Each structure stands twice: as structure tokens, then as C-alpha cells.
Amino acid sequence: MRGRLAIDRLRNAFQTVIHRHDALRTSIAADGFHQIVTPVLDIEIPLLDYSSEDAPDEALNKWLLAESQQPFDLYQEPLVGATIVKLSPERYAFNICIHHLVSDGWSLVAILEEISKIYSGCLDIPPIQQFTDYLQWYNQDTQSDTFKTSELFWSEHLRTVSPLRLPLDYSEPKQRTYKGSRISIQIPSDLTVLRNLQ
């Protein structure tokens, strides 16, 4: 980013986006089968100052490489973090690190747009629909007569559709089975240690 940066305003904008999106406040329960959405999640956004370095861009790249190799702790929120890096009085980098469980490429674009709007003071940001809202709507919709009629229609029309046969590297066996092979490996503990972004 180029220009004078209002650091506290950027921090507040990012925090506002965290509060708006349930996914960004989500972690995985210890049993590995459930999600936990933390109602309020305050994230510390540190400021690294490389402006006095002889080669601030090199220092930034070295830090980014080290940061990209830090694992997440899926059982501890947050699965998102951010850091502001000062390269000169009018040049900054804003690093956001988000686990793919809570965001993807499309979502990251939406997150950056929201941060930009909030930082700029835009008050016309529409409310968002949370995934739980969608699930509630979907569950209600599946009980409607329209849904049941549509389901019956497609069930009848697709009943006679034969499976798609794609060319394979090997011929199909005459008798289909679930027999296959399994490869088991032990993953060293130093590769399974997950971290909590601070």
C-alpha cells in the first residue's frame, strides 16, 4: 500500500470484517467433527517496522517466507490473522493469513473489498447472510410443496438415466467389489503440530 496509512483505522476495519463473518470466527472442535463459531473474536494485528532496514523489501520477503511456513492450530481460533508491515513512511504491506477451512480465493477478494470500504468510511455496506441463515432457509425450503414437487419430478426423470461410462486406464472387472489396497504411514509429530496465530 502506498500513501499515509491510518493504522488504527485499518485494524478496526479488519476487526469489523471479522465480526461480520461467522466463518472467520470458526475453529474445529476437539472431536474433529464439529465447528465452533466464537461469538466475539478480537485479533491483535501487530505492526512490523522494516523502514530502517537497508533492504526493507528483502526483510519483508524473508518474514513472509517464514510466516507462510507456520502451521495453524485447527482446534484453536483464530484461523485468520493479519500483520501490518511498514516499509517506509508512505509504503506498507498488509499480510492476511487465513486457513482454507474458513476462506477461499473468492472469499478473500470479498474480505479485501469490505476492508477497503470500511477503511474508506463507506457506510453503505449491505448486511451479509451467514451460512447458518442459508441452512435454516434450506431446511425450511425442503419442507415446501414446491421443493417436494420438484424432487419428485427429477427423481422420475433421472430414474432411467444410465451411469456415465468414461474411458479408463484399466478395464473394469466383471464383478465390482470394494476390494482395494491401503497404504498406512506414520506422520512424524513435528509435522502434525499446529499453531495458534497470535
N, C-alpha and C. Protein backbone atom coordinates (compact mmCIF):
# COMPACT_ATOMS: atom_id res chain seq x y z
N MET A 1 0.85 -1.18 0.00
CA MET A 1 0.00 0.00 0.00
C MET A 1 0.89 1.23 0.00
N ARG A 2 0.47 2.23 -0.78
CA ARG A 2 1.26 3.45 -0.85
C ARG A 2 0.45 4.61 -0.30
N GLY A 3 1.13 5.52 0.35
CA GLY A 3 0.48 6.67 0.95
C GLY A 3 0.49 6.58 2.47
N ARG A 4 0.01 7.61 3.11
CA ARG A 4 -0.06 7.61 4.57
C ARG A 4 -1.14 6.65 5.01
N LEU A 5 -0.81 5.77 5.93
CA LEU A 5 -1.74 4.74 6.38
C LEU A 5 -2.24 5.06 7.78
N ALA A 6 -3.56 5.05 7.94
CA ALA A 6 -4.16 5.19 9.26
C ALA A 6 -4.22 3.79 9.87
N ILE A 7 -3.19 3.46 10.63
CA ILE A 7 -3.01 2.09 11.10
C ILE A 7 -4.17 1.63 11.97
N ASP A 8 -4.59 2.45 12.91
CA ASP A 8 -5.71 2.04 13.78
C ASP A 8 -7.00 1.87 12.98
N ARG A 9 -7.20 2.71 11.97
CA ARG A 9 -8.40 2.58 11.15
C ARG A 9 -8.37 1.26 10.38
N LEU A 10 -7.20 0.87 9.86
CA LEU A 10 -7.07 -0.41 9.16
C LEU A 10 -7.33 -1.58 10.11
N ARG A 11 -6.77 -1.49 11.32
CA ARG A 11 -7.01 -2.54 12.31
C ARG A 11 -8.51 -2.65 12.61
N ASN A 12 -9.17 -1.52 12.81
CA ASN A 12 -10.60 -1.53 13.11
C ASN A 12 -11.41 -2.08 11.94
N ALA A 13 -11.01 -1.74 10.72
CA ALA A 13 -11.71 -2.25 9.54
C ALA A 13 -11.61 -3.77 9.46
N PHE A 14 -10.41 -4.29 9.70
CA PHE A 14 -10.22 -5.74 9.67
C PHE A 14 -11.03 -6.41 10.78
N GLN A 15 -11.01 -5.83 11.97
CA GLN A 15 -11.76 -6.38 13.09
C GLN A 15 -13.26 -6.37 12.81
N THR A 16 -13.75 -5.31 12.16
CA THR A 16 -15.16 -5.23 11.80
C THR A 16 -15.54 -6.36 10.85
N VAL A 17 -14.67 -6.65 9.89
CA VAL A 17 -14.93 -7.75 8.96
C VAL A 17 -14.95 -9.09 9.70
N ILE A 18 -14.06 -9.25 10.67
CA ILE A 18 -14.06 -10.49 11.47
C ILE A 18 -15.41 -10.64 12.18
N HIS A 19 -15.92 -9.55 12.73
CA HIS A 19 -17.20 -9.60 13.44
C HIS A 19 -18.37 -9.86 12.49
N ARG A 20 -18.25 -9.45 11.23
CA ARG A 20 -19.34 -9.62 10.27
C ARG A 20 -19.47 -11.06 9.76
N HIS A 21 -18.39 -11.82 9.77
CA HIS A 21 -18.39 -13.15 9.13
C HIS A 21 -18.17 -14.26 10.15
N ASP A 22 -19.17 -15.09 10.31
CA ASP A 22 -19.06 -16.24 11.21
C ASP A 22 -17.87 -17.13 10.84
N ALA A 23 -17.65 -17.33 9.55
CA ALA A 23 -16.59 -18.23 9.10
C ALA A 23 -15.23 -17.82 9.62
N LEU A 24 -14.99 -16.51 9.74
CA LEU A 24 -13.70 -16.02 10.19
C LEU A 24 -13.51 -16.18 11.70
N ARG A 25 -14.58 -16.55 12.37
CA ARG A 25 -14.51 -16.81 13.82
C ARG A 25 -14.72 -18.29 14.12
N THR A 26 -14.47 -19.13 13.13
CA THR A 26 -14.74 -20.56 13.25
C THR A 26 -13.45 -21.33 13.50
N SER A 27 -13.56 -22.33 14.36
CA SER A 27 -12.48 -23.30 14.56
C SER A 27 -13.12 -24.68 14.61
N ILE A 28 -12.31 -25.71 14.75
CA ILE A 28 -12.79 -27.09 14.75
C ILE A 28 -12.79 -27.62 16.18
N ALA A 29 -13.88 -28.30 16.55
CA ALA A 29 -13.97 -28.89 17.89
C ALA A 29 -12.92 -29.98 18.03
N ALA A 30 -12.56 -30.28 19.28
CA ALA A 30 -11.51 -31.26 19.55
C ALA A 30 -11.85 -32.64 18.99
N ASP A 31 -13.15 -32.95 18.85
CA ASP A 31 -13.52 -34.26 18.30
C ASP A 31 -13.31 -34.33 16.79
N GLY A 32 -13.05 -33.17 16.17
CA GLY A 32 -12.79 -33.13 14.74
C GLY A 32 -14.03 -33.18 13.87
N PHE A 33 -15.22 -33.24 14.47
CA PHE A 33 -16.45 -33.41 13.70
C PHE A 33 -17.36 -32.19 13.73
N HIS A 34 -17.06 -31.21 14.56
CA HIS A 34 -17.96 -30.07 14.70
C HIS A 34 -17.18 -28.77 14.55
N GLN A 35 -17.91 -27.75 14.12
CA GLN A 35 -17.33 -26.42 14.04
C GLN A 35 -17.75 -25.63 15.27
N ILE A 36 -16.87 -24.75 15.70
CA ILE A 36 -17.18 -23.85 16.81
C ILE A 36 -17.07 -22.43 16.27
N VAL A 37 -18.16 -21.67 16.39
CA VAL A 37 -18.15 -20.28 15.97
C VAL A 37 -18.10 -19.42 17.23
N THR A 38 -17.00 -18.74 17.42
CA THR A 38 -16.82 -17.87 18.58
C THR A 38 -17.64 -16.59 18.37
N PRO A 39 -18.50 -16.24 19.33
CA PRO A 39 -19.35 -15.05 19.13
C PRO A 39 -18.56 -13.75 18.94
N VAL A 40 -17.50 -13.59 19.72
CA VAL A 40 -16.67 -12.38 19.62
C VAL A 40 -15.23 -12.82 19.56
N LEU A 41 -14.51 -12.30 18.59
CA LEU A 41 -13.11 -12.67 18.43
C LEU A 41 -12.31 -11.41 18.13
N ASP A 42 -11.49 -11.01 19.08
CA ASP A 42 -10.63 -9.85 18.90
C ASP A 42 -9.23 -10.33 18.51
N ILE A 43 -8.76 -9.85 17.39
CA ILE A 43 -7.47 -10.29 16.87
C ILE A 43 -6.47 -9.15 16.98
N GLU A 44 -5.33 -9.48 17.54
CA GLU A 44 -4.25 -8.49 17.61
C GLU A 44 -3.56 -8.42 16.26
N ILE A 45 -3.40 -7.23 15.74
CA ILE A 45 -2.75 -7.04 14.44
C ILE A 45 -1.45 -6.28 14.67
N PRO A 46 -0.34 -7.01 14.72
CA PRO A 46 0.93 -6.33 15.02
C PRO A 46 1.43 -5.47 13.86
N LEU A 47 2.30 -4.53 14.21
CA LEU A 47 2.96 -3.68 13.22
C LEU A 47 4.45 -4.01 13.25
N LEU A 48 4.95 -4.51 12.13
CA LEU A 48 6.39 -4.73 11.98
C LEU A 48 6.98 -3.54 11.23
N ASP A 49 8.05 -3.01 11.75
CA ASP A 49 8.65 -1.83 11.12
C ASP A 49 10.00 -2.19 10.51
N TYR A 50 10.02 -2.31 9.18
CA TYR A 50 11.26 -2.59 8.45
C TYR A 50 11.76 -1.33 7.73
N SER A 51 11.21 -0.17 8.08
CA SER A 51 11.56 1.06 7.35
C SER A 51 13.01 1.49 7.57
N SER A 52 13.62 1.03 8.66
CA SER A 52 15.01 1.41 8.90
C SER A 52 16.00 0.37 8.35
N GLU A 53 15.49 -0.70 7.78
CA GLU A 53 16.36 -1.72 7.18
C GLU A 53 16.99 -1.19 5.90
N ASP A 54 18.19 -1.69 5.57
CA ASP A 54 18.84 -1.31 4.32
C ASP A 54 18.04 -1.81 3.11
N ALA A 55 17.45 -3.00 3.24
CA ALA A 55 16.66 -3.58 2.15
C ALA A 55 15.31 -4.03 2.74
N PRO A 56 14.36 -3.10 2.92
CA PRO A 56 13.10 -3.46 3.57
C PRO A 56 12.29 -4.51 2.81
N ASP A 57 12.36 -4.49 1.47
CA ASP A 57 11.62 -5.49 0.69
C ASP A 57 12.17 -6.89 0.93
N GLU A 58 13.49 -6.99 1.02
CA GLU A 58 14.10 -8.30 1.31
C GLU A 58 13.71 -8.78 2.70
N ALA A 59 13.70 -7.86 3.67
CA ALA A 59 13.29 -8.22 5.03
C ALA A 59 11.83 -8.70 5.03
N LEU A 60 10.99 -8.01 4.26
CA LEU A 60 9.59 -8.41 4.16
C LEU A 60 9.47 -9.80 3.55
N ASN A 61 10.18 -10.04 2.45
CA ASN A 61 10.10 -11.35 1.79
C ASN A 61 10.60 -12.47 2.70
N LYS A 62 11.64 -12.20 3.46
CA LYS A 62 12.16 -13.21 4.39
C LYS A 62 11.12 -13.50 5.47
N TRP A 63 10.49 -12.45 5.99
CA TRP A 63 9.46 -12.64 7.01
C TRP A 63 8.25 -13.38 6.44
N LEU A 64 7.83 -13.02 5.21
CA LEU A 64 6.69 -13.69 4.58
C LEU A 64 6.96 -15.18 4.39
N LEU A 65 8.17 -15.52 3.98
CA LEU A 65 8.52 -16.93 3.81
C LEU A 65 8.41 -17.69 5.12
N ALA A 66 8.97 -17.10 6.18
CA ALA A 66 8.90 -17.75 7.50
C ALA A 66 7.45 -17.84 7.98
N GLU A 67 6.68 -16.79 7.77
CA GLU A 67 5.27 -16.76 8.20
C GLU A 67 4.45 -17.80 7.45
N SER A 68 4.72 -17.99 6.16
CA SER A 68 3.95 -18.93 5.35
C SER A 68 4.19 -20.38 5.76
N GLN A 69 5.27 -20.62 6.49
CA GLN A 69 5.59 -21.98 6.91
C GLN A 69 5.10 -22.31 8.31
N GLN A 70 4.41 -21.36 8.93
CA GLN A 70 3.87 -21.59 10.28
C GLN A 70 2.51 -22.28 10.17
N PRO A 71 2.34 -23.42 10.84
CA PRO A 71 1.05 -24.13 10.75
C PRO A 71 -0.01 -23.49 11.65
N PHE A 72 -1.26 -23.78 11.35
CA PHE A 72 -2.38 -23.35 12.17
C PHE A 72 -2.72 -24.44 13.18
N ASP A 73 -3.33 -24.05 14.28
CA ASP A 73 -3.94 -25.00 15.20
C ASP A 73 -5.43 -24.97 14.91
N LEU A 74 -5.93 -25.99 14.23
CA LEU A 74 -7.33 -26.01 13.79
C LEU A 74 -8.30 -26.02 14.96
N TYR A 75 -7.82 -26.43 16.14
CA TYR A 75 -8.71 -26.55 17.30
C TYR A 75 -8.74 -25.27 18.12
N GLN A 76 -7.94 -24.31 17.75
CA GLN A 76 -7.89 -23.05 18.49
C GLN A 76 -8.11 -21.90 17.51
N GLU A 77 -9.11 -21.06 17.80
CA GLU A 77 -9.23 -19.88 16.95
C GLU A 77 -8.10 -18.92 17.32
N PRO A 78 -7.75 -18.02 16.47
CA PRO A 78 -8.36 -17.79 15.16
C PRO A 78 -7.67 -18.58 14.07
N LEU A 79 -8.39 -18.84 13.00
CA LEU A 79 -7.81 -19.43 11.81
C LEU A 79 -7.54 -18.34 10.78
N VAL A 80 -7.45 -17.13 11.29
CA VAL A 80 -7.15 -15.96 10.47
C VAL A 80 -6.27 -15.02 11.29
N GLY A 81 -5.37 -14.36 10.61
CA GLY A 81 -4.52 -13.39 11.28
C GLY A 81 -4.08 -12.34 10.28
N ALA A 82 -3.54 -11.25 10.79
CA ALA A 82 -3.09 -10.17 9.92
C ALA A 82 -1.91 -9.46 10.56
N THR A 83 -1.07 -8.90 9.71
CA THR A 83 0.09 -8.13 10.17
C THR A 83 0.27 -6.95 9.23
N ILE A 84 0.56 -5.81 9.80
CA ILE A 84 0.89 -4.62 9.01
C ILE A 84 2.41 -4.47 9.03
N VAL A 85 3.00 -4.29 7.86
CA VAL A 85 4.46 -4.15 7.77
C VAL A 85 4.78 -2.78 7.17
N LYS A 86 5.53 -1.99 7.93
CA LYS A 86 5.93 -0.67 7.46
C LYS A 86 7.26 -0.79 6.72
N LEU A 87 7.27 -0.36 5.45
CA LEU A 87 8.48 -0.41 4.63
C LEU A 87 9.13 0.96 4.49
N SER A 88 8.32 2.00 4.57
CA SER A 88 8.79 3.39 4.56
C SER A 88 7.64 4.23 5.10
N PRO A 89 7.84 5.52 5.34
CA PRO A 89 6.74 6.33 5.87
C PRO A 89 5.48 6.31 5.00
N GLU A 90 5.62 6.01 3.71
CA GLU A 90 4.45 6.00 2.84
C GLU A 90 4.33 4.71 2.03
N ARG A 91 4.88 3.62 2.57
CA ARG A 91 4.75 2.33 1.90
C ARG A 91 4.61 1.24 2.94
N TYR A 92 3.52 0.48 2.81
CA TYR A 92 3.19 -0.57 3.79
C TYR A 92 2.77 -1.84 3.05
N ALA A 93 2.88 -2.93 3.77
CA ALA A 93 2.31 -4.20 3.30
C ALA A 93 1.31 -4.66 4.35
N PHE A 94 0.22 -5.23 3.90
CA PHE A 94 -0.80 -5.75 4.81
C PHE A 94 -0.94 -7.22 4.51
N ASN A 95 -0.47 -8.06 5.41
CA ASN A 95 -0.48 -9.50 5.22
C ASN A 95 -1.65 -10.12 5.97
N ILE A 96 -2.49 -10.84 5.23
CA ILE A 96 -3.59 -11.59 5.85
C ILE A 96 -3.30 -13.07 5.65
N CYS A 97 -3.35 -13.82 6.72
CA CYS A 97 -3.11 -15.25 6.68
C CYS A 97 -4.38 -15.95 7.15
N ILE A 98 -5.03 -16.69 6.23
CA ILE A 98 -6.30 -17.33 6.52
C ILE A 98 -6.22 -18.80 6.12
N HIS A 99 -6.68 -19.68 7.00
CA HIS A 99 -6.71 -21.10 6.66
C HIS A 99 -7.81 -21.34 5.63
N HIS A 100 -7.56 -22.29 4.74
CA HIS A 100 -8.51 -22.58 3.67
C HIS A 100 -9.83 -23.16 4.21
N LEU A 101 -9.85 -23.62 5.44
CA LEU A 101 -11.10 -24.10 6.03
C LEU A 101 -12.12 -22.99 6.19
N VAL A 102 -11.67 -21.76 6.36
CA VAL A 102 -12.61 -20.66 6.63
C VAL A 102 -12.68 -19.64 5.49
N SER A 103 -11.85 -19.80 4.48
CA SER A 103 -11.87 -18.85 3.37
C SER A 103 -11.26 -19.49 2.13
N ASP A 104 -11.68 -18.99 0.97
CA ASP A 104 -11.07 -19.41 -0.28
C ASP A 104 -10.71 -18.16 -1.08
N GLY A 105 -10.26 -18.36 -2.31
CA GLY A 105 -9.83 -17.21 -3.11
C GLY A 105 -10.94 -16.20 -3.35
N TRP A 106 -12.14 -16.68 -3.67
CA TRP A 106 -13.26 -15.77 -3.91
C TRP A 106 -13.60 -15.01 -2.63
N SER A 107 -13.62 -15.72 -1.51
CA SER A 107 -13.94 -15.08 -0.23
C SER A 107 -12.91 -14.02 0.13
N LEU A 108 -11.65 -14.30 -0.16
CA LEU A 108 -10.60 -13.34 0.18
C LEU A 108 -10.79 -12.03 -0.58
N VAL A 109 -11.21 -12.13 -1.83
CA VAL A 109 -11.49 -10.90 -2.60
C VAL A 109 -12.61 -10.11 -1.92
N ALA A 110 -13.67 -10.81 -1.50
CA ALA A 110 -14.79 -10.13 -0.82
C ALA A 110 -14.33 -9.51 0.49
N ILE A 111 -13.48 -10.21 1.23
CA ILE A 111 -12.96 -9.70 2.50
C ILE A 111 -12.14 -8.43 2.27
N LEU A 112 -11.27 -8.45 1.26
CA LEU A 112 -10.45 -7.27 0.96
C LEU A 112 -11.30 -6.09 0.54
N GLU A 113 -12.36 -6.36 -0.24
CA GLU A 113 -13.26 -5.28 -0.65
C GLU A 113 -13.95 -4.66 0.57
N GLU A 114 -14.39 -5.51 1.50
CA GLU A 114 -15.04 -4.99 2.71
C GLU A 114 -14.07 -4.18 3.55
N ILE A 115 -12.85 -4.68 3.72
CA ILE A 115 -11.85 -3.94 4.49
C ILE A 115 -11.63 -2.57 3.86
N SER A 116 -11.50 -2.54 2.54
CA SER A 116 -11.26 -1.28 1.83
C SER A 116 -12.42 -0.31 2.03
N LYS A 117 -13.66 -0.80 1.91
CA LYS A 117 -14.83 0.07 2.07
C LYS A 117 -14.91 0.62 3.50
N ILE A 118 -14.71 -0.26 4.48
CA ILE A 118 -14.81 0.17 5.87
C ILE A 118 -13.69 1.16 6.20
N TYR A 119 -12.49 0.87 5.72
CA TYR A 119 -11.35 1.76 5.95
C TYR A 119 -11.62 3.14 5.35
N SER A 120 -12.27 3.15 4.18
CA SER A 120 -12.55 4.41 3.48
C SER A 120 -13.74 5.16 4.07
N GLY A 121 -14.41 4.56 5.05
CA GLY A 121 -15.54 5.22 5.68
C GLY A 121 -16.86 5.00 4.99
N CYS A 122 -16.93 4.03 4.08
CA CYS A 122 -18.18 3.74 3.38
C CYS A 122 -19.19 3.17 4.38
N LEU A 123 -20.36 3.77 4.45
CA LEU A 123 -21.40 3.32 5.38
C LEU A 123 -22.44 2.46 4.69
N ASP A 124 -22.32 2.33 3.37
CA ASP A 124 -23.33 1.61 2.59
C ASP A 124 -22.86 0.17 2.32
N ILE A 125 -22.57 -0.57 3.38
CA ILE A 125 -22.15 -1.96 3.24
C ILE A 125 -23.35 -2.83 3.61
N PRO A 126 -23.84 -3.61 2.66
CA PRO A 126 -25.05 -4.39 2.93
C PRO A 126 -24.79 -5.47 3.98
N PRO A 127 -25.82 -5.83 4.75
CA PRO A 127 -25.66 -6.94 5.70
C PRO A 127 -25.40 -8.23 4.93
N ILE A 128 -24.71 -9.13 5.56
CA ILE A 128 -24.38 -10.39 4.89
C ILE A 128 -25.23 -11.52 5.43
N GLN A 129 -25.38 -12.54 4.61
CA GLN A 129 -26.11 -13.73 5.04
C GLN A 129 -25.09 -14.74 5.54
N GLN A 130 -25.26 -15.18 6.78
CA GLN A 130 -24.37 -16.17 7.34
C GLN A 130 -24.76 -17.55 6.81
N PHE A 131 -23.83 -18.48 6.86
CA PHE A 131 -24.11 -19.84 6.39
C PHE A 131 -25.23 -20.49 7.20
N THR A 132 -25.29 -20.18 8.49
CA THR A 132 -26.37 -20.73 9.32
C THR A 132 -27.73 -20.22 8.84
N ASP A 133 -27.78 -18.97 8.35
CA ASP A 133 -29.02 -18.44 7.78
C ASP A 133 -29.42 -19.23 6.54
N TYR A 134 -28.42 -19.55 5.70
CA TYR A 134 -28.70 -20.33 4.50
C TYR A 134 -29.21 -21.71 4.86
N LEU A 135 -28.58 -22.35 5.85
CA LEU A 135 -29.02 -23.68 6.26
C LEU A 135 -30.45 -23.66 6.79
N GLN A 136 -30.77 -22.64 7.55
CA GLN A 136 -32.14 -22.52 8.07
C GLN A 136 -33.13 -22.36 6.91
N TRP A 137 -32.79 -21.51 5.94
CA TRP A 137 -33.66 -21.33 4.78
C TRP A 137 -33.79 -22.64 4.01
N TYR A 138 -32.66 -23.33 3.80
CA TYR A 138 -32.67 -24.58 3.04
C TYR A 138 -33.55 -25.63 3.72
N ASN A 139 -33.39 -25.76 5.04
CA ASN A 139 -34.20 -26.74 5.77
C ASN A 139 -35.69 -26.42 5.66
N GLN A 140 -36.03 -25.16 5.71
CA GLN A 140 -37.44 -24.77 5.54
C GLN A 140 -37.90 -25.04 4.11
N ASP A 141 -37.03 -24.74 3.14
CA ASP A 141 -37.39 -24.92 1.74
C ASP A 141 -37.64 -26.39 1.40
N THR A 142 -36.86 -27.29 2.00
CA THR A 142 -37.04 -28.72 1.70
C THR A 142 -38.38 -29.25 2.20
N GLN A 143 -39.04 -28.51 3.07
CA GLN A 143 -40.35 -28.93 3.57
C GLN A 143 -41.50 -28.36 2.73
N SER A 144 -41.17 -27.49 1.78
CA SER A 144 -42.22 -26.84 0.99
C SER A 144 -42.77 -27.78 -0.07
N ASP A 145 -44.01 -27.52 -0.50
CA ASP A 145 -44.64 -28.32 -1.56
C ASP A 145 -43.89 -28.16 -2.88
N THR A 146 -43.40 -26.95 -3.14
CA THR A 146 -42.66 -26.70 -4.39
C THR A 146 -41.42 -27.59 -4.46
N PHE A 147 -40.67 -27.66 -3.36
CA PHE A 147 -39.46 -28.49 -3.33
C PHE A 147 -39.81 -29.96 -3.53
N LYS A 148 -40.85 -30.43 -2.85
CA LYS A 148 -41.23 -31.84 -2.95
C LYS A 148 -41.69 -32.18 -4.37
N THR A 149 -42.42 -31.27 -5.01
CA THR A 149 -42.87 -31.49 -6.39
C THR A 149 -41.66 -31.56 -7.32
N SER A 150 -40.71 -30.64 -7.15
CA SER A 150 -39.51 -30.62 -7.97
C SER A 150 -38.68 -31.88 -7.75
N GLU A 151 -38.54 -32.29 -6.51
CA GLU A 151 -37.78 -33.50 -6.20
C GLU A 151 -38.41 -34.72 -6.86
N LEU A 152 -39.72 -34.83 -6.81
CA LEU A 152 -40.43 -35.95 -7.43
C LEU A 152 -40.24 -35.93 -8.95
N PHE A 153 -40.35 -34.72 -9.54
CA PHE A 153 -40.17 -34.58 -10.99
C PHE A 153 -38.80 -35.11 -11.41
N TRP A 154 -37.74 -34.63 -10.75
CA TRP A 154 -36.39 -35.02 -11.15
C TRP A 154 -36.09 -36.47 -10.80
N SER A 155 -36.63 -36.97 -9.74
CA SER A 155 -36.44 -38.38 -9.39
C SER A 155 -37.02 -39.28 -10.48
N GLU A 156 -38.19 -38.91 -10.98
CA GLU A 156 -38.82 -39.69 -12.05
C GLU A 156 -38.02 -39.59 -13.35
N HIS A 157 -37.60 -38.37 -13.71
CA HIS A 157 -36.91 -38.18 -14.98
C HIS A 157 -35.49 -38.75 -14.98
N LEU A 158 -34.87 -38.83 -13.84
CA LEU A 158 -33.49 -39.32 -13.78
C LEU A 158 -33.41 -40.81 -13.46
N ARG A 159 -34.56 -41.41 -13.20
CA ARG A 159 -34.58 -42.83 -12.84
C ARG A 159 -34.02 -43.70 -13.97
N THR A 160 -34.26 -43.31 -15.22
CA THR A 160 -33.84 -44.14 -16.36
C THR A 160 -32.47 -43.75 -16.91
N VAL A 161 -31.83 -42.77 -16.33
CA VAL A 161 -30.52 -42.35 -16.82
C VAL A 161 -29.48 -43.38 -16.43
N SER A 162 -28.70 -43.82 -17.40
CA SER A 162 -27.66 -44.81 -17.11
C SER A 162 -26.38 -44.10 -16.69
N PRO A 163 -25.55 -44.78 -15.91
CA PRO A 163 -24.31 -44.15 -15.45
C PRO A 163 -23.41 -43.77 -16.62
N LEU A 164 -22.68 -42.70 -16.46
CA LEU A 164 -21.74 -42.24 -17.48
C LEU A 164 -20.54 -43.17 -17.49
N ARG A 165 -20.21 -43.66 -18.66
CA ARG A 165 -19.06 -44.56 -18.81
C ARG A 165 -17.91 -43.81 -19.47
N LEU A 166 -16.88 -43.52 -18.71
CA LEU A 166 -15.71 -42.83 -19.24
C LEU A 166 -14.61 -43.83 -19.52
N PRO A 167 -13.77 -43.57 -20.50
CA PRO A 167 -12.66 -44.50 -20.77
C PRO A 167 -11.70 -44.53 -19.56
N LEU A 168 -11.25 -45.72 -19.23
CA LEU A 168 -10.38 -45.91 -18.07
C LEU A 168 -9.02 -46.42 -18.51
N ASP A 169 -8.04 -46.26 -17.65
CA ASP A 169 -6.71 -46.80 -17.93
C ASP A 169 -6.71 -48.32 -17.91
N TYR A 170 -7.58 -48.88 -17.07
CA TYR A 170 -7.67 -50.33 -16.94
C TYR A 170 -9.11 -50.75 -17.20
N SER A 171 -9.29 -51.93 -17.71
CA SER A 171 -10.65 -52.40 -17.96
C SER A 171 -11.35 -52.68 -16.63
N GLU A 172 -12.68 -52.51 -16.65
CA GLU A 172 -13.46 -52.76 -15.43
C GLU A 172 -13.54 -54.25 -15.17
N PRO A 173 -13.49 -54.63 -13.92
CA PRO A 173 -13.66 -56.06 -13.62
C PRO A 173 -15.10 -56.48 -13.88
N LYS A 174 -15.29 -57.76 -14.18
CA LYS A 174 -16.65 -58.26 -14.44
C LYS A 174 -17.51 -58.14 -13.19
N GLN A 175 -16.92 -58.42 -12.06
CA GLN A 175 -17.63 -58.34 -10.79
C GLN A 175 -17.09 -57.14 -10.01
N ARG A 176 -17.93 -56.17 -9.73
CA ARG A 176 -17.50 -55.00 -8.96
C ARG A 176 -17.43 -55.36 -7.49
N THR A 177 -16.36 -54.90 -6.84
CA THR A 177 -16.20 -55.13 -5.40
C THR A 177 -15.66 -53.86 -4.76
N TYR A 178 -15.58 -53.89 -3.46
CA TYR A 178 -14.98 -52.77 -2.73
C TYR A 178 -13.55 -53.09 -2.33
N LYS A 179 -13.00 -54.14 -2.91
CA LYS A 179 -11.62 -54.52 -2.59
C LYS A 179 -10.68 -53.49 -3.19
N GLY A 180 -9.69 -53.16 -2.45
CA GLY A 180 -8.69 -52.21 -2.91
C GLY A 180 -7.45 -52.38 -2.06
N SER A 181 -6.60 -51.43 -2.11
CA SER A 181 -5.40 -51.51 -1.27
C SER A 181 -5.36 -50.30 -0.36
N ARG A 182 -4.59 -50.42 0.67
CA ARG A 182 -4.46 -49.35 1.65
C ARG A 182 -2.98 -49.16 1.95
N ILE A 183 -2.59 -47.94 2.06
CA ILE A 183 -1.22 -47.62 2.45
C ILE A 183 -1.30 -46.82 3.74
N SER A 184 -0.68 -47.32 4.79
CA SER A 184 -0.67 -46.62 6.07
C SER A 184 0.72 -46.10 6.34
N ILE A 185 0.80 -44.82 6.73
CA ILE A 185 2.09 -44.23 7.09
C ILE A 185 1.94 -43.50 8.42
N GLN A 186 3.01 -43.42 9.14
CA GLN A 186 3.05 -42.68 10.40
C GLN A 186 3.63 -41.30 10.10
N ILE A 187 2.87 -40.25 10.43
CA ILE A 187 3.35 -38.90 10.22
C ILE A 187 4.10 -38.45 11.47
N PRO A 188 5.34 -38.00 11.33
CA PRO A 188 6.10 -37.55 12.50
C PRO A 188 5.37 -36.42 13.23
N SER A 189 5.49 -36.43 14.55
CA SER A 189 4.76 -35.45 15.36
C SER A 189 5.15 -34.01 15.04
N ASP A 190 6.40 -33.77 14.62
CA ASP A 190 6.79 -32.39 14.31
C ASP A 190 6.08 -31.85 13.07
N LEU A 191 5.50 -32.75 12.26
CA LEU A 191 4.73 -32.29 11.10
C LEU A 191 3.25 -32.12 11.43
N THR A 192 2.82 -32.60 12.58
CA THR A 192 1.40 -32.51 12.93
C THR A 192 1.12 -31.45 13.98
N VAL A 193 2.14 -30.79 14.47
CA VAL A 193 1.95 -29.73 15.46
C VAL A 193 1.34 -28.53 14.76
N LEU A 194 0.23 -28.08 15.26
CA LEU A 194 -0.46 -26.93 14.67
C LEU A 194 -0.28 -25.73 15.58
N ARG A 195 -0.38 -24.55 15.03
CA ARG A 195 -0.10 -23.38 15.85
C ARG A 195 -1.31 -22.46 15.92
N ASN A 196 -1.28 -21.65 16.93
CA ASN A 196 -2.30 -20.62 17.12
C ASN A 196 -1.67 -19.29 16.73
N LEU A 197 -2.23 -18.63 15.69
CA LEU A 197 -1.68 -17.32 15.31
C LEU A 197 -1.95 -16.30 16.39
N GLN A 198 -0.97 -15.62 16.78
CA GLN A 198 -1.14 -14.57 17.79
C GLN A 198 -1.08 -13.23 17.12
